[in-house]
Amino acid sequence: MRKRVMALVWGILLVLMTACETFAAAVPQEDTPEYKIGFYAFDCYHM
């Protein structure tokens, strides 16, 4: 019985989380520093 209740609660939470829309435009844009990264071209790994 308790497992069914917990499954129902989790199911409702998952449905609510997927139903809420989020947009990147709503997040304030901040200046970020330029990052330098290293890249090693390894044969057959990046394909």
PDB file of N, CA and C in Angstrom:
ATOM      1  N   MET A   1       0.832  -1.193   0.000  1.00  0.00           N
ATOM      2  CA  MET A   1       0.000   0.000   0.000  1.00  0.00           C
ATOM      3  C   MET A   1       0.871   1.250   0.000  1.00  0.00           C
ATOM      4  N   ARG A   2       1.896   1.248   0.874  1.00  0.00           N
ATOM      5  CA  ARG A   2       2.757   2.425   0.956  1.00  0.00           C
ATOM      6  C   ARG A   2       3.551   2.616  -0.331  1.00  0.00           C
ATOM      7  N   LYS A   3       3.932   1.515  -0.977  1.00  0.00           N
ATOM      8  CA  LYS A   3       4.664   1.615  -2.241  1.00  0.00           C
ATOM      9  C   LYS A   3       3.791   2.238  -3.322  1.00  0.00           C
ATOM     10  N   ARG A   4       2.526   1.916  -3.324  1.00  0.00           N
ATOM     11  CA  ARG A   4       1.614   2.486  -4.319  1.00  0.00           C
ATOM     12  C   ARG A   4       1.433   3.990  -4.106  1.00  0.00           C
ATOM     13  N   VAL A   5       1.344   4.393  -2.864  1.00  0.00           N
ATOM     14  CA  VAL A   5       1.195   5.817  -2.564  1.00  0.00           C
ATOM     15  C   VAL A   5       2.450   6.577  -2.990  1.00  0.00           C
ATOM     16  N   MET A   6       3.605   6.022  -2.666  1.00  0.00           N
ATOM     17  CA  MET A   6       4.853   6.673  -3.058  1.00  0.00           C
ATOM     18  C   MET A   6       5.002   6.713  -4.580  1.00  0.00           C
ATOM     19  N   ALA A   7       4.605   5.656  -5.258  1.00  0.00           N
ATOM     20  CA  ALA A   7       4.666   5.636  -6.718  1.00  0.00           C
ATOM     21  C   ALA A   7       3.724   6.677  -7.306  1.00  0.00           C
ATOM     22  N   LEU A   8       2.571   6.842  -6.706  1.00  0.00           N
ATOM     23  CA  LEU A   8       1.620   7.848  -7.167  1.00  0.00           C
ATOM     24  C   LEU A   8       2.166   9.257  -6.944  1.00  0.00           C
ATOM     25  N   VAL A   9       2.763   9.494  -5.791  1.00  0.00           N
ATOM     26  CA  VAL A   9       3.353  10.808  -5.498  1.00  0.00           C
ATOM     27  C   VAL A   9       4.476  11.115  -6.478  1.00  0.00           C
ATOM     28  N   TRP A  10       5.360  10.150  -6.705  1.00  0.00           N
ATOM     29  CA  TRP A  10       6.456  10.355  -7.658  1.00  0.00           C
ATOM     30  C   TRP A  10       5.925  10.575  -9.065  1.00  0.00           C
ATOM     31  N   GLY A  11       4.902   9.844  -9.436  1.00  0.00           N
ATOM     32  CA  GLY A  11       4.299  10.021 -10.763  1.00  0.00           C
ATOM     33  C   GLY A  11       3.719  11.413 -10.946  1.00  0.00           C
ATOM     34  N   ILE A  12       3.030  11.903  -9.924  1.00  0.00           N
ATOM     35  CA  ILE A  12       2.464  13.253  -9.992  1.00  0.00           C
ATOM     36  C   ILE A  12       3.572  14.290 -10.077  1.00  0.00           C
ATOM     37  N   LEU A  13       4.623  14.118  -9.276  1.00  0.00           N
ATOM     38  CA  LEU A  13       5.750  15.049  -9.324  1.00  0.00           C
ATOM     39  C   LEU A  13       6.416  15.063 -10.693  1.00  0.00           C
ATOM     40  N   LEU A  14       6.606  13.899 -11.280  1.00  0.00           N
ATOM     41  CA  LEU A  14       7.221  13.833 -12.599  1.00  0.00           C
ATOM     42  C   LEU A  14       6.360  14.505 -13.656  1.00  0.00           C
ATOM     43  N   VAL A  15       5.055  14.304 -13.589  1.00  0.00           N
ATOM     44  CA  VAL A  15       4.152  14.945 -14.549  1.00  0.00           C
ATOM     45  C   VAL A  15       4.179  16.456 -14.373  1.00  0.00           C
ATOM     46  N   LEU A  16       4.178  16.924 -13.135  1.00  0.00           N
ATOM     47  CA  LEU A  16       4.217  18.363 -12.892  1.00  0.00           C
ATOM     48  C   LEU A  16       5.535  18.976 -13.350  1.00  0.00           C
ATOM     49  N   MET A  17       6.637  18.273 -13.136  1.00  0.00           N
ATOM     50  CA  MET A  17       7.938  18.803 -13.543  1.00  0.00           C
ATOM     51  C   MET A  17       8.060  18.874 -15.059  1.00  0.00           C
ATOM     52  N   THR A  18       7.491  17.922 -15.779  1.00  0.00           N
ATOM     53  CA  THR A  18       7.581  17.956 -17.229  1.00  0.00           C
ATOM     54  C   THR A  18       6.571  18.921 -17.830  1.00  0.00           C
ATOM     55  N   ALA A  19       5.524  19.251 -17.101  1.00  0.00           N
ATOM     56  CA  ALA A  19       4.515  20.163 -17.619  1.00  0.00           C
ATOM     57  C   ALA A  19       4.930  21.623 -17.472  1.00  0.00           C
ATOM     58  N   CYS A  20       5.826  21.919 -16.532  1.00  0.00           N
ATOM     59  CA  CYS A  20       6.278  23.299 -16.328  1.00  0.00           C
ATOM     60  C   CYS A  20       7.309  23.648 -17.390  1.00  0.00           C
ATOM     61  N   GLU A  21       7.053  24.741 -18.100  1.00  0.00           N
ATOM     62  CA  GLU A  21       7.978  25.160 -19.137  1.00  0.00           C
ATOM     63  C   GLU A  21       9.019  26.101 -18.555  1.00  0.00           C
ATOM     64  N   THR A  22      10.220  25.959 -19.011  1.00  0.00           N
ATOM     65  CA  THR A  22      11.293  26.862 -18.615  1.00  0.00           C
ATOM     66  C   THR A  22      11.951  27.388 -19.877  1.00  0.00           C
ATOM     67  N   PHE A  23      12.362  28.621 -19.833  1.00  0.00           N
ATOM     68  CA  PHE A  23      12.975  29.255 -20.985  1.00  0.00           C
ATOM     69  C   PHE A  23      14.294  29.879 -20.573  1.00  0.00           C
ATOM     70  N   ALA A  24      15.274  29.785 -21.435  1.00  0.00           N
ATOM     71  CA  ALA A  24      16.575  30.369 -21.142  1.00  0.00           C
ATOM     72  C   ALA A  24      16.507  31.890 -21.163  1.00  0.00           C
ATOM     73  N   ALA A  25      15.549  32.456 -21.861  1.00  0.00           N
ATOM     74  CA  ALA A  25      15.427  33.909 -21.933  1.00  0.00           C
ATOM     75  C   ALA A  25      15.020  34.499 -20.579  1.00  0.00           C
ATOM     76  N   ALA A  26      14.442  33.697 -19.720  1.00  0.00           N
ATOM     77  CA  ALA A  26      14.010  34.186 -18.418  1.00  0.00           C
ATOM     78  C   ALA A  26      15.182  34.346 -17.452  1.00  0.00           C
ATOM     79  N   VAL A  27      16.318  33.737 -17.774  1.00  0.00           N
ATOM     80  CA  VAL A  27      17.496  33.805 -16.912  1.00  0.00           C
ATOM     81  C   VAL A  27      18.292  35.054 -17.289  1.00  0.00           C
ATOM     82  N   PRO A  28      18.665  35.867 -16.310  1.00  0.00           N
ATOM     83  CA  PRO A  28      19.437  37.060 -16.645  1.00  0.00           C
ATOM     84  C   PRO A  28      20.798  36.692 -17.220  1.00  0.00           C
ATOM     85  N   GLN A  29      21.181  37.407 -18.271  1.00  0.00           N
ATOM     86  CA  GLN A  29      22.445  37.117 -18.937  1.00  0.00           C
ATOM     87  C   GLN A  29      23.576  37.872 -18.257  1.00  0.00           C
ATOM     88  N   GLU A  30      24.645  37.169 -17.953  1.00  0.00           N
ATOM     89  CA  GLU A  30      25.792  37.757 -17.293  1.00  0.00           C
ATOM     90  C   GLU A  30      27.011  37.585 -18.188  1.00  0.00           C
ATOM     91  N   ASP A  31      27.967  38.481 -18.039  1.00  0.00           N
ATOM     92  CA  ASP A  31      29.205  38.348 -18.787  1.00  0.00           C
ATOM     93  C   ASP A  31      30.042  37.225 -18.181  1.00  0.00           C
ATOM     94  N   THR A  32      30.455  36.308 -19.016  1.00  0.00           N
ATOM     95  CA  THR A  32      31.282  35.206 -18.554  1.00  0.00           C
ATOM     96  C   THR A  32      32.666  35.342 -19.163  1.00  0.00           C
ATOM     97  N   PRO A  33      33.668  34.904 -18.464  1.00  0.00           N
ATOM     98  CA  PRO A  33      35.024  35.004 -19.017  1.00  0.00           C
ATOM     99  C   PRO A  33      35.218  34.010 -20.159  1.00  0.00           C
ATOM    100  N   GLU A  34      36.182  34.305 -21.002  1.00  0.00           N
ATOM    101  CA  GLU A  34      36.504  33.373 -22.074  1.00  0.00           C
ATOM    102  C   GLU A  34      37.364  32.256 -21.508  1.00  0.00           C
ATOM    103  N   TYR A  35      36.969  31.041 -21.803  1.00  0.00           N
ATOM    104  CA  TYR A  35      37.693  29.882 -21.314  1.00  0.00           C
ATOM    105  C   TYR A  35      38.544  29.312 -22.434  1.00  0.00           C
ATOM    106  N   LYS A  36      39.743  28.917 -22.111  1.00  0.00           N
ATOM    107  CA  LYS A  36      40.610  28.249 -23.062  1.00  0.00           C
ATOM    108  C   LYS A  36      40.653  26.777 -22.689  1.00  0.00           C
ATOM    109  N   ILE A  37      40.439  25.943 -23.692  1.00  0.00           N
ATOM    110  CA  ILE A  37      40.425  24.507 -23.437  1.00  0.00           C
ATOM    111  C   ILE A  37      41.448  23.836 -24.327  1.00  0.00           C
ATOM    112  N   GLY A  38      41.882  22.685 -23.919  1.00  0.00           N
ATOM    113  CA  GLY A  38      42.800  21.899 -24.723  1.00  0.00           C
ATOM    114  C   GLY A  38      42.042  20.798 -25.438  1.00  0.00           C
ATOM    115  N   PHE A  39      42.505  20.467 -26.627  1.00  0.00           N
ATOM    116  CA  PHE A  39      41.851  19.427 -27.415  1.00  0.00           C
ATOM    117  C   PHE A  39      42.921  18.553 -28.033  1.00  0.00           C
ATOM    118  N   TYR A  40      42.809  17.271 -27.871  1.00  0.00           N
ATOM    119  CA  TYR A  40      43.745  16.330 -28.460  1.00  0.00           C
ATOM    120  C   TYR A  40      42.988  15.484 -29.472  1.00  0.00           C
ATOM    121  N   ALA A  41      43.395  15.580 -30.732  1.00  0.00           N
ATOM    122  CA  ALA A  41      42.731  14.809 -31.788  1.00  0.00           C
ATOM    123  C   ALA A  41      43.223  13.361 -31.749  1.00  0.00           C
ATOM    124  N   PHE A  42      42.411  12.495 -31.243  1.00  0.00           N
ATOM    125  CA  PHE A  42      42.733  11.076 -31.128  1.00  0.00           C
ATOM    126  C   PHE A  42      41.966  10.324 -32.215  1.00  0.00           C
ATOM    127  N   ASP A  43      42.647   9.548 -33.037  1.00  0.00           N
ATOM    128  CA  ASP A  43      42.014   8.857 -34.158  1.00  0.00           C
ATOM    129  C   ASP A  43      40.883   7.949 -33.686  1.00  0.00           C
ATOM    130  N   CYS A  44      39.768   8.024 -34.365  1.00  0.00           N
ATOM    131  CA  CYS A  44      38.579   7.174 -34.179  1.00  0.00           C
ATOM    132  C   CYS A  44      37.861   7.439 -32.844  1.00  0.00           C
ATOM    133  N   TYR A  45      38.320   8.383 -32.052  1.00  0.00           N
ATOM    134  CA  TYR A  45      37.653   8.634 -30.774  1.00  0.00           C
ATOM    135  C   TYR A  45      36.551   9.679 -30.921  1.00  0.00           C
ATOM    136  N   HIS A  46      36.746  10.678 -31.743  1.00  0.00           N
ATOM    137  CA  HIS A  46      35.794  11.773 -31.880  1.00  0.00           C
ATOM    138  C   HIS A  46      34.839  11.576 -33.044  1.00  0.00           C
ATOM    139  N   MET A  47      34.777  10.399 -33.590  1.00  0.00           N
ATOM    140  CA  MET A  47      33.917  10.151 -34.751  1.00  0.00           C
ATOM    141  C   MET A  47      32.687   9.398 -34.342  1.00  0.00           C
TER     142      MET A  47
END
